[in-house]
């Protein structure tokens, strides 16, 4: 899925930038910068969502948010462990 999204983004950006008559080398650099920034932006968005949910549930899990910034799957797993622990403690 990510590969398809990247190919669509690259193709779309090439067409838009060439419409504005930006030369090929500059277009390639811009597409590369945007393509390399997408994972970081996605990590920040996921970490923010995790932080909001942890604050809403009154769980102190700042290390989980930091882990999610560096690795989304690992951060999500730790987040699910924290939520599961909170649910189990509330059931008792």
PDB file of N, CA and C in Angstrom:
ATOM      1  N   UNK A   1       0.826  -1.199   0.000  1.00  0.00           N
ATOM      2  CA  UNK A   1       0.000   0.000   0.000  1.00  0.00           C
ATOM      3  C   UNK A   1       0.867   1.259   0.000  1.00  0.00           C
ATOM      4  N   UNK A   2       1.928   1.205   0.814  1.00  0.00           N
ATOM      5  CA  UNK A   2       2.794   2.370   0.900  1.00  0.00           C
ATOM      6  C   UNK A   2       3.498   2.635  -0.424  1.00  0.00           C
ATOM      7  N   UNK A   3       3.871   1.561  -1.113  1.00  0.00           N
ATOM      8  CA  UNK A   3       4.551   1.714  -2.402  1.00  0.00           C
ATOM      9  C   UNK A   3       3.614   2.370  -3.412  1.00  0.00           C
ATOM     10  N   UNK A   4       2.357   1.948  -3.409  1.00  0.00           N
ATOM     11  CA  UNK A   4       1.380   2.540  -4.325  1.00  0.00           C
ATOM     12  C   UNK A   4       1.178   4.015  -4.007  1.00  0.00           C
ATOM     13  N   UNK A   5       1.090   4.331  -2.708  1.00  0.00           N
ATOM     14  CA  UNK A   5       0.932   5.724  -2.298  1.00  0.00           C
ATOM     15  C   UNK A   5       2.137   6.553  -2.708  1.00  0.00           C
ATOM     16  N   UNK A   6       3.331   6.013  -2.523  1.00  0.00           N
ATOM     17  CA  UNK A   6       4.543   6.733  -2.924  1.00  0.00           C
ATOM     18  C   UNK A   6       4.601   6.954  -4.425  1.00  0.00           C
ATOM     19  N   UNK A   7       4.270   5.933  -5.191  1.00  0.00           N
ATOM     20  CA  UNK A   7       4.275   6.095  -6.647  1.00  0.00           C
ATOM     21  C   UNK A   7       3.255   7.130  -7.108  1.00  0.00           C
ATOM     22  N   UNK A   8       2.070   7.099  -6.494  1.00  0.00           N
ATOM     23  CA  UNK A   8       1.054   8.094  -6.840  1.00  0.00           C
ATOM     24  C   UNK A   8       1.532   9.493  -6.483  1.00  0.00           C
ATOM     25  N   UNK A   9       2.121   9.635  -5.294  1.00  0.00           N
ATOM     26  CA  UNK A   9       2.612  10.942  -4.858  1.00  0.00           C
ATOM     27  C   UNK A   9       3.715  11.450  -5.775  1.00  0.00           C
ATOM     28  N   UNK A  10       4.654  10.587  -6.115  1.00  0.00           N
ATOM     29  CA  UNK A  10       5.752  10.992  -6.991  1.00  0.00           C
ATOM     30  C   UNK A  10       5.222  11.407  -8.361  1.00  0.00           C
ATOM     31  N   UNK A  11       4.336  10.604  -8.917  1.00  0.00           N
ATOM     32  CA  UNK A  11       3.772  10.937 -10.228  1.00  0.00           C
ATOM     33  C   UNK A  11       2.994  12.250 -10.172  1.00  0.00           C
ATOM     34  N   UNK A  12       2.187  12.424  -9.127  1.00  0.00           N
ATOM     35  CA  UNK A  12       1.397  13.642  -8.981  1.00  0.00           C
ATOM     36  C   UNK A  12       2.296  14.865  -8.833  1.00  0.00           C
ATOM     37  N   UNK A  13       3.323  14.758  -8.007  1.00  0.00           N
ATOM     38  CA  UNK A  13       4.222  15.899  -7.810  1.00  0.00           C
ATOM     39  C   UNK A  13       5.002  16.235  -9.071  1.00  0.00           C
ATOM     40  N   UNK A  14       5.437  15.215  -9.798  1.00  0.00           N
ATOM     41  CA  UNK A  14       6.128  15.484 -11.061  1.00  0.00           C
ATOM     42  C   UNK A  14       5.230  16.252 -12.025  1.00  0.00           C
ATOM     43  N   UNK A  15       3.983  15.842 -12.097  1.00  0.00           N
ATOM     44  CA  UNK A  15       3.064  16.522 -13.026  1.00  0.00           C
ATOM     45  C   UNK A  15       2.783  17.956 -12.581  1.00  0.00           C
ATOM     46  N   UNK A  16       2.572  18.161 -11.287  1.00  0.00           N
ATOM     47  CA  UNK A  16       2.281  19.514 -10.789  1.00  0.00           C
ATOM     48  C   UNK A  16       3.490  20.422 -10.961  1.00  0.00           C
ATOM     49  N   UNK A  17       4.650  19.934 -10.578  1.00  0.00           N
ATOM     50  CA  UNK A  17       5.842  20.775 -10.677  1.00  0.00           C
ATOM     51  C   UNK A  17       6.238  21.030 -12.128  1.00  0.00           C
ATOM     52  N   UNK A  18       6.037  20.078 -13.001  1.00  0.00           N
ATOM     53  CA  UNK A  18       6.347  20.327 -14.408  1.00  0.00           C
ATOM     54  C   UNK A  18       5.347  21.304 -15.028  1.00  0.00           C
ATOM     55  N   UNK A  19       4.127  21.330 -14.489  1.00  0.00           N
ATOM     56  CA  UNK A  19       3.141  22.305 -14.953  1.00  0.00           C
ATOM     57  C   UNK A  19       3.616  23.728 -14.654  1.00  0.00           C
ATOM     58  N   UNK A  20       4.314  23.901 -13.541  1.00  0.00           N
ATOM     59  CA  UNK A  20       4.853  25.214 -13.193  1.00  0.00           C
ATOM     60  C   UNK A  20       6.225  25.457 -13.820  1.00  0.00           C
ATOM     61  N   UNK A  21       6.611  24.602 -14.735  1.00  0.00           N
ATOM     62  CA  UNK A  21       7.839  24.712 -15.515  1.00  0.00           C
ATOM     63  C   UNK A  21       9.103  24.736 -14.650  1.00  0.00           C
ATOM     64  N   UNK A  22       9.101  23.876 -13.630  1.00  0.00           N
ATOM     65  CA  UNK A  22      10.295  23.680 -12.829  1.00  0.00           C
ATOM     66  C   UNK A  22      11.087  22.562 -13.498  1.00  0.00           C
ATOM     67  N   UNK A  23      12.390  22.758 -13.625  1.00  0.00           N
ATOM     68  CA  UNK A  23      13.175  21.770 -14.365  1.00  0.00           C
ATOM     69  C   UNK A  23      13.246  20.424 -13.627  1.00  0.00           C
ATOM     70  N   UNK A  24      13.679  19.423 -14.349  1.00  0.00           N
ATOM     71  CA  UNK A  24      13.617  18.044 -13.881  1.00  0.00           C
ATOM     72  C   UNK A  24      14.451  17.810 -12.625  1.00  0.00           C
ATOM     73  N   UNK A  25      15.643  18.369 -12.554  1.00  0.00           N
ATOM     74  CA  UNK A  25      16.513  18.164 -11.392  1.00  0.00           C
ATOM     75  C   UNK A  25      15.889  18.746 -10.127  1.00  0.00           C
ATOM     76  N   UNK A  26      15.362  19.951 -10.207  1.00  0.00           N
ATOM     77  CA  UNK A  26      14.714  20.563  -9.043  1.00  0.00           C
ATOM     78  C   UNK A  26      13.470  19.778  -8.639  1.00  0.00           C
ATOM     79  N   UNK A  27      12.728  19.312  -9.617  1.00  0.00           N
ATOM     80  CA  UNK A  27      11.539  18.507  -9.335  1.00  0.00           C
ATOM     81  C   UNK A  27      11.929  17.223  -8.622  1.00  0.00           C
ATOM     82  N   UNK A  28      12.986  16.598  -9.070  1.00  0.00           N
ATOM     83  CA  UNK A  28      13.447  15.365  -8.446  1.00  0.00           C
ATOM     84  C   UNK A  28      13.873  15.586  -7.002  1.00  0.00           C
ATOM     85  N   UNK A  29      14.556  16.708  -6.731  1.00  0.00           N
ATOM     86  CA  UNK A  29      14.973  17.022  -5.361  1.00  0.00           C
ATOM     87  C   UNK A  29      13.774  17.306  -4.463  1.00  0.00           C
ATOM     88  N   UNK A  30      12.804  18.035  -4.967  1.00  0.00           N
ATOM     89  CA  UNK A  30      11.605  18.341  -4.177  1.00  0.00           C
ATOM     90  C   UNK A  30      10.830  17.075  -3.854  1.00  0.00           C
ATOM     91  N   UNK A  31      10.658  16.216  -4.829  1.00  0.00           N
ATOM     92  CA  UNK A  31       9.934  14.956  -4.613  1.00  0.00           C
ATOM     93  C   UNK A  31      10.685  14.093  -3.616  1.00  0.00           C
ATOM     94  N   UNK A  32      12.006  14.043  -3.707  1.00  0.00           N
ATOM     95  CA  UNK A  32      12.795  13.260  -2.769  1.00  0.00           C
ATOM     96  C   UNK A  32      12.634  13.789  -1.345  1.00  0.00           C
ATOM     97  N   UNK A  33      12.680  15.095  -1.160  1.00  0.00           N
ATOM     98  CA  UNK A  33      12.533  15.679   0.175  1.00  0.00           C
ATOM     99  C   UNK A  33      11.153  15.396   0.762  1.00  0.00           C
ATOM    100  N   UNK A  34      10.133  15.543  -0.053  1.00  0.00           N
ATOM    101  CA  UNK A  34       8.773  15.278   0.431  1.00  0.00           C
ATOM    102  C   UNK A  34       8.598  13.799   0.731  1.00  0.00           C
ATOM    103  N   UNK A  35       9.106  12.948  -0.126  1.00  0.00           N
ATOM    104  CA  UNK A  35       8.986  11.510   0.061  1.00  0.00           C
ATOM    105  C   UNK A  35       9.734  11.038   1.311  1.00  0.00           C
ATOM    106  N   UNK A  36      10.854  11.662   1.629  1.00  0.00           N
ATOM    107  CA  UNK A  36      11.604  11.262   2.823  1.00  0.00           C
ATOM    108  C   UNK A  36      11.011  11.855   4.093  1.00  0.00           C
ATOM    109  N   UNK A  37      10.200  12.898   3.986  1.00  0.00           N
ATOM    110  CA  UNK A  37       9.598  13.515   5.167  1.00  0.00           C
ATOM    111  C   UNK A  37       8.287  12.848   5.579  1.00  0.00           C
ATOM    112  N   UNK A  38       7.656  12.098   4.701  1.00  0.00           N
ATOM    113  CA  UNK A  38       6.359  11.485   4.999  1.00  0.00           C
ATOM    114  C   UNK A  38       6.415  10.539   6.202  1.00  0.00           C
ATOM    115  N   UNK A  39       7.392   9.637   6.325  1.00  0.00           N
ATOM    116  CA  UNK A  39       7.404   8.761   7.508  1.00  0.00           C
ATOM    117  C   UNK A  39       7.531   9.522   8.823  1.00  0.00           C
ATOM    118  N   UNK A  40       8.309  10.608   8.824  1.00  0.00           N
ATOM    119  CA  UNK A  40       8.464  11.392  10.042  1.00  0.00           C
ATOM    120  C   UNK A  40       7.155  12.091  10.420  1.00  0.00           C
ATOM    121  N   UNK A  41       6.476  12.631   9.428  1.00  0.00           N
ATOM    122  CA  UNK A  41       5.196  13.282   9.698  1.00  0.00           C
ATOM    123  C   UNK A  41       4.169  12.278  10.186  1.00  0.00           C
ATOM    124  N   UNK A  42       4.168  11.103   9.609  1.00  0.00           N
ATOM    125  CA  UNK A  42       3.254  10.050  10.043  1.00  0.00           C
ATOM    126  C   UNK A  42       3.552   9.622  11.478  1.00  0.00           C
ATOM    127  N   UNK A  43       4.818   9.524  11.833  1.00  0.00           N
ATOM    128  CA  UNK A  43       5.198   9.178  13.203  1.00  0.00           C
ATOM    129  C   UNK A  43       4.734  10.236  14.195  1.00  0.00           C
ATOM    130  N   UNK A  44       4.868  11.495  13.832  1.00  0.00           N
ATOM    131  CA  UNK A  44       4.430  12.580  14.713  1.00  0.00           C
ATOM    132  C   UNK A  44       2.921  12.541  14.887  1.00  0.00           C
ATOM    133  N   UNK A  45       2.189  12.280  13.828  1.00  0.00           N
ATOM    134  CA  UNK A  45       0.723  12.217  13.912  1.00  0.00           C
ATOM    135  C   UNK A  45       0.286  11.057  14.804  1.00  0.00           C
ATOM    136  N   UNK A  46       0.885   9.888  14.622  1.00  0.00           N
ATOM    137  CA  UNK A  46       0.523   8.721  15.438  1.00  0.00           C
ATOM    138  C   UNK A  46       0.887   8.961  16.898  1.00  0.00           C
ATOM    139  N   UNK A  47       2.049   9.535  17.168  1.00  0.00           N
ATOM    140  CA  UNK A  47       2.450   9.827  18.543  1.00  0.00           C
ATOM    141  C   UNK A  47       1.500  10.831  19.191  1.00  0.00           C
ATOM    142  N   UNK A  48       1.049  11.815  18.437  1.00  0.00           N
ATOM    143  CA  UNK A  48       0.101  12.787  18.980  1.00  0.00           C
ATOM    144  C   UNK A  48      -1.238  12.125  19.310  1.00  0.00           C
ATOM    145  N   UNK A  49      -1.698  11.236  18.460  1.00  0.00           N
ATOM    146  CA  UNK A  49      -2.955  10.518  18.725  1.00  0.00           C
ATOM    147  C   UNK A  49      -2.816   9.649  19.967  1.00  0.00           C
ATOM    148  N   UNK A  50      -1.682   8.965  20.110  1.00  0.00           N
ATOM    149  CA  UNK A  50      -1.449   8.145  21.292  1.00  0.00           C
ATOM    150  C   UNK A  50      -1.409   9.011  22.538  1.00  0.00           C
ATOM    151  N   UNK A  51      -0.731  10.141  22.477  1.00  0.00           N
ATOM    152  CA  UNK A  51      -0.640  11.045  23.627  1.00  0.00           C
ATOM    153  C   UNK A  51      -2.009  11.556  24.041  1.00  0.00           C
ATOM    154  N   UNK A  52      -2.819  11.945  23.077  1.00  0.00           N
ATOM    155  CA  UNK A  52      -4.168  12.437  23.384  1.00  0.00           C
ATOM    156  C   UNK A  52      -4.995  11.354  24.056  1.00  0.00           C
ATOM    157  N   UNK A  53      -4.901  10.129  23.546  1.00  0.00           N
ATOM    158  CA  UNK A  53      -5.669   9.034  24.139  1.00  0.00           C
ATOM    159  C   UNK A  53      -5.169   8.680  25.532  1.00  0.00           C
ATOM    160  N   UNK A  54      -3.859   8.720  25.737  1.00  0.00           N
ATOM    161  CA  UNK A  54      -3.319   8.437  27.067  1.00  0.00           C
ATOM    162  C   UNK A  54      -3.737   9.504  28.067  1.00  0.00           C
ATOM    163  N   UNK A  55      -3.728  10.753  27.660  1.00  0.00           N
ATOM    164  CA  UNK A  55      -4.158  11.827  28.563  1.00  0.00           C
ATOM    165  C   UNK A  55      -5.653  11.725  28.869  1.00  0.00           C
ATOM    166  N   UNK A  56      -6.440  11.332  27.881  1.00  0.00           N
ATOM    167  CA  UNK A  56      -7.880  11.184  28.078  1.00  0.00           C
ATOM    168  C   UNK A  56      -8.176  10.068  29.086  1.00  0.00           C
ATOM    169  N   UNK A  57      -7.393   8.992  29.046  1.00  0.00           N
ATOM    170  CA  UNK A  57      -7.590   7.872  29.956  1.00  0.00           C
ATOM    171  C   UNK A  57      -6.787   8.000  31.250  1.00  0.00           C
ATOM    172  N   UNK A  58      -6.105   9.128  31.422  1.00  0.00           N
ATOM    173  CA  UNK A  58      -5.305   9.407  32.619  1.00  0.00           C
ATOM    174  C   UNK A  58      -4.254   8.334  32.872  1.00  0.00           C
ATOM    175  N   UNK A  59      -3.526   8.008  31.823  1.00  0.00           N
ATOM    176  CA  UNK A  59      -2.435   7.043  31.893  1.00  0.00           C
ATOM    177  C   UNK A  59      -1.132   7.791  31.636  1.00  0.00           C
ATOM    178  N   UNK A  60      -0.154   7.561  32.490  1.00  0.00           N
ATOM    179  CA  UNK A  60       1.152   8.183  32.291  1.00  0.00           C
ATOM    180  C   UNK A  60       1.992   7.264  31.423  1.00  0.00           C
ATOM    181  N   UNK A  61       2.166   7.620  30.174  1.00  0.00           N
ATOM    182  CA  UNK A  61       2.877   6.767  29.241  1.00  0.00           C
ATOM    183  C   UNK A  61       3.737   7.546  28.276  1.00  0.00           C
ATOM    184  N   UNK A  62       4.475   8.530  28.790  1.00  0.00           N
ATOM    185  CA  UNK A  62       5.327   9.338  27.918  1.00  0.00           C
ATOM    186  C   UNK A  62       6.366   8.479  27.192  1.00  0.00           C
ATOM    187  N   UNK A  63       6.960   7.443  27.828  1.00  0.00           N
ATOM    188  CA  UNK A  63       7.900   6.613  27.061  1.00  0.00           C
ATOM    189  C   UNK A  63       7.253   5.933  25.852  1.00  0.00           C
ATOM    190  N   UNK A  64       5.984   5.606  25.956  1.00  0.00           N
ATOM    191  CA  UNK A  64       5.292   4.980  24.826  1.00  0.00           C
ATOM    192  C   UNK A  64       5.178   5.973  23.674  1.00  0.00           C
ATOM    193  N   UNK A  65       4.921   7.216  23.993  1.00  0.00           N
ATOM    194  CA  UNK A  65       4.834   8.254  22.959  1.00  0.00           C
ATOM    195  C   UNK A  65       6.198   8.438  22.295  1.00  0.00           C
ATOM    196  N   UNK A  66       7.250   8.430  23.090  1.00  0.00           N
ATOM    197  CA  UNK A  66       8.594   8.571  22.516  1.00  0.00           C
ATOM    198  C   UNK A  66       8.955   7.376  21.638  1.00  0.00           C
ATOM    199  N   UNK A  67       8.570   6.188  22.061  1.00  0.00           N
ATOM    200  CA  UNK A  67       8.828   5.001  21.240  1.00  0.00           C
ATOM    201  C   UNK A  67       8.043   5.093  19.935  1.00  0.00           C
ATOM    202  N   UNK A  68       6.809   5.590  20.003  1.00  0.00           N
ATOM    203  CA  UNK A  68       5.989   5.726  18.797  1.00  0.00           C
ATOM    204  C   UNK A  68       6.590   6.726  17.818  1.00  0.00           C
ATOM    205  N   UNK A  69       7.320   7.711  18.322  1.00  0.00           N
ATOM    206  CA  UNK A  69       7.988   8.651  17.422  1.00  0.00           C
ATOM    207  C   UNK A  69       9.064   7.962  16.587  1.00  0.00           C
ATOM    208  N   UNK A  70       9.724   6.964  17.176  1.00  0.00           N
ATOM    209  CA  UNK A  70      10.813   6.295  16.471  1.00  0.00           C
ATOM    210  C   UNK A  70      10.367   5.058  15.706  1.00  0.00           C
ATOM    211  N   UNK A  71       9.343   4.378  16.223  1.00  0.00           N
ATOM    212  CA  UNK A  71       8.869   3.170  15.559  1.00  0.00           C
ATOM    213  C   UNK A  71       7.368   3.046  15.805  1.00  0.00           C
ATOM    214  N   UNK A  72       6.586   3.262  14.773  1.00  0.00           N
ATOM    215  CA  UNK A  72       5.130   3.251  14.913  1.00  0.00           C
ATOM    216  C   UNK A  72       4.611   1.887  15.375  1.00  0.00           C
ATOM    217  N   UNK A  73       5.037   0.771  14.769  1.00  0.00           N
ATOM    218  CA  UNK A  73       4.476  -0.519  15.218  1.00  0.00           C
ATOM    219  C   UNK A  73       4.800  -0.844  16.680  1.00  0.00           C
ATOM    220  N   UNK A  74       6.034  -0.573  17.115  1.00  0.00           N
ATOM    221  CA  UNK A  74       6.407  -0.859  18.497  1.00  0.00           C
ATOM    222  C   UNK A  74       5.646   0.058  19.451  1.00  0.00           C
ATOM    223  N   UNK A  75       5.508   1.322  19.099  1.00  0.00           N
ATOM    224  CA  UNK A  75       4.746   2.247  19.921  1.00  0.00           C
ATOM    225  C   UNK A  75       3.287   1.839  20.043  1.00  0.00           C
ATOM    226  N   UNK A  76       2.716   1.367  18.949  1.00  0.00           N
ATOM    227  CA  UNK A  76       1.316   0.913  18.998  1.00  0.00           C
ATOM    228  C   UNK A  76       1.163  -0.320  19.877  1.00  0.00           C
ATOM    229  N   UNK A  77       2.116  -1.227  19.831  1.00  0.00           N
ATOM    230  CA  UNK A  77       2.050  -2.425  20.671  1.00  0.00           C
ATOM    231  C   UNK A  77       2.130  -2.042  22.142  1.00  0.00           C
ATOM    232  N   UNK A  78       3.065  -1.178  22.504  1.00  0.00           N
ATOM    233  CA  UNK A  78       3.160  -0.738  23.896  1.00  0.00           C
ATOM    234  C   UNK A  78       1.912   0.021  24.330  1.00  0.00           C
ATOM    235  N   UNK A  79       1.364   0.816  23.429  1.00  0.00           N
ATOM    236  CA  UNK A  79       0.133   1.542  23.728  1.00  0.00           C
ATOM    237  C   UNK A  79      -1.014   0.568  24.011  1.00  0.00           C
ATOM    238  N   UNK A  80      -1.123  -0.466  23.199  1.00  0.00           N
ATOM    239  CA  UNK A  80      -2.171  -1.462  23.420  1.00  0.00           C
ATOM    240  C   UNK A  80      -1.956  -2.222  24.723  1.00  0.00           C
ATOM    241  N   UNK A  81      -0.703  -2.480  25.096  1.00  0.00           N
ATOM    242  CA  UNK A  81      -0.429  -3.108  26.387  1.00  0.00           C
ATOM    243  C   UNK A  81      -0.883  -2.207  27.537  1.00  0.00           C
ATOM    244  N   UNK A  82      -0.613  -0.912  27.442  1.00  0.00           N
ATOM    245  CA  UNK A  82      -1.036   0.014  28.492  1.00  0.00           C
ATOM    246  C   UNK A  82      -2.558   0.083  28.606  1.00  0.00           C
ATOM    247  N   UNK A  83      -3.235   0.164  27.495  1.00  0.00           N
ATOM    248  CA  UNK A  83      -4.698   0.224  27.504  1.00  0.00           C
ATOM    249  C   UNK A  83      -5.273  -1.081  28.051  1.00  0.00           C
ATOM    250  N   UNK A  84      -4.706  -2.203  27.650  1.00  0.00           N
ATOM    251  CA  UNK A  84      -5.166  -3.494  28.144  1.00  0.00           C
ATOM    252  C   UNK A  84      -4.971  -3.590  29.658  1.00  0.00           C
ATOM    253  N   UNK A  85      -3.840  -3.128  30.156  1.00  0.00           N
ATOM    254  CA  UNK A  85      -3.572  -3.135  31.590  1.00  0.00           C
ATOM    255  C   UNK A  85      -4.570  -2.247  32.324  1.00  0.00           C
ATOM    256  N   UNK A  86      -4.879  -1.090  31.767  1.00  0.00           N
ATOM    257  CA  UNK A  86      -5.845  -0.172  32.378  1.00  0.00           C
ATOM    258  C   UNK A  86      -7.234  -0.825  32.433  1.00  0.00           C
ATOM    259  N   UNK A  87      -7.626  -1.503  31.373  1.00  0.00           N
ATOM    260  CA  UNK A  87      -8.945  -2.161  31.331  1.00  0.00           C
ATOM    261  C   UNK A  87      -9.005  -3.282  32.354  1.00  0.00           C
ATOM    262  N   UNK A  88      -7.939  -4.079  32.462  1.00  0.00           N
ATOM    263  CA  UNK A  88      -7.918  -5.167  33.435  1.00  0.00           C
ATOM    264  C   UNK A  88      -7.975  -4.642  34.864  1.00  0.00           C
ATOM    265  N   UNK A  89      -7.278  -3.545  35.147  1.00  0.00           N
ATOM    266  CA  UNK A  89      -7.289  -2.973  36.498  1.00  0.00           C
ATOM    267  C   UNK A  89      -8.651  -2.377  36.846  1.00  0.00           C
ATOM    268  N   UNK A  90      -9.362  -1.842  35.879  1.00  0.00           N
ATOM    269  CA  UNK A  90     -10.686  -1.273  36.131  1.00  0.00           C
ATOM    270  C   UNK A  90     -11.744  -2.354  36.339  1.00  0.00           C
ATOM    271  N   UNK A  91     -11.518  -3.544  35.770  1.00  0.00           N
ATOM    272  CA  UNK A  91     -12.487  -4.629  35.924  1.00  0.00           C
ATOM    273  C   UNK A  91     -12.451  -5.243  37.311  1.00  0.00           C
ATOM    274  N   UNK A  92     -11.365  -5.066  38.032  1.00  0.00           N
ATOM    275  CA  UNK A  92     -11.229  -5.680  39.363  1.00  0.00           C
ATOM    276  C   UNK A  92     -11.937  -4.897  40.402  1.00  0.00           C
TER     277      UNK A  92
END
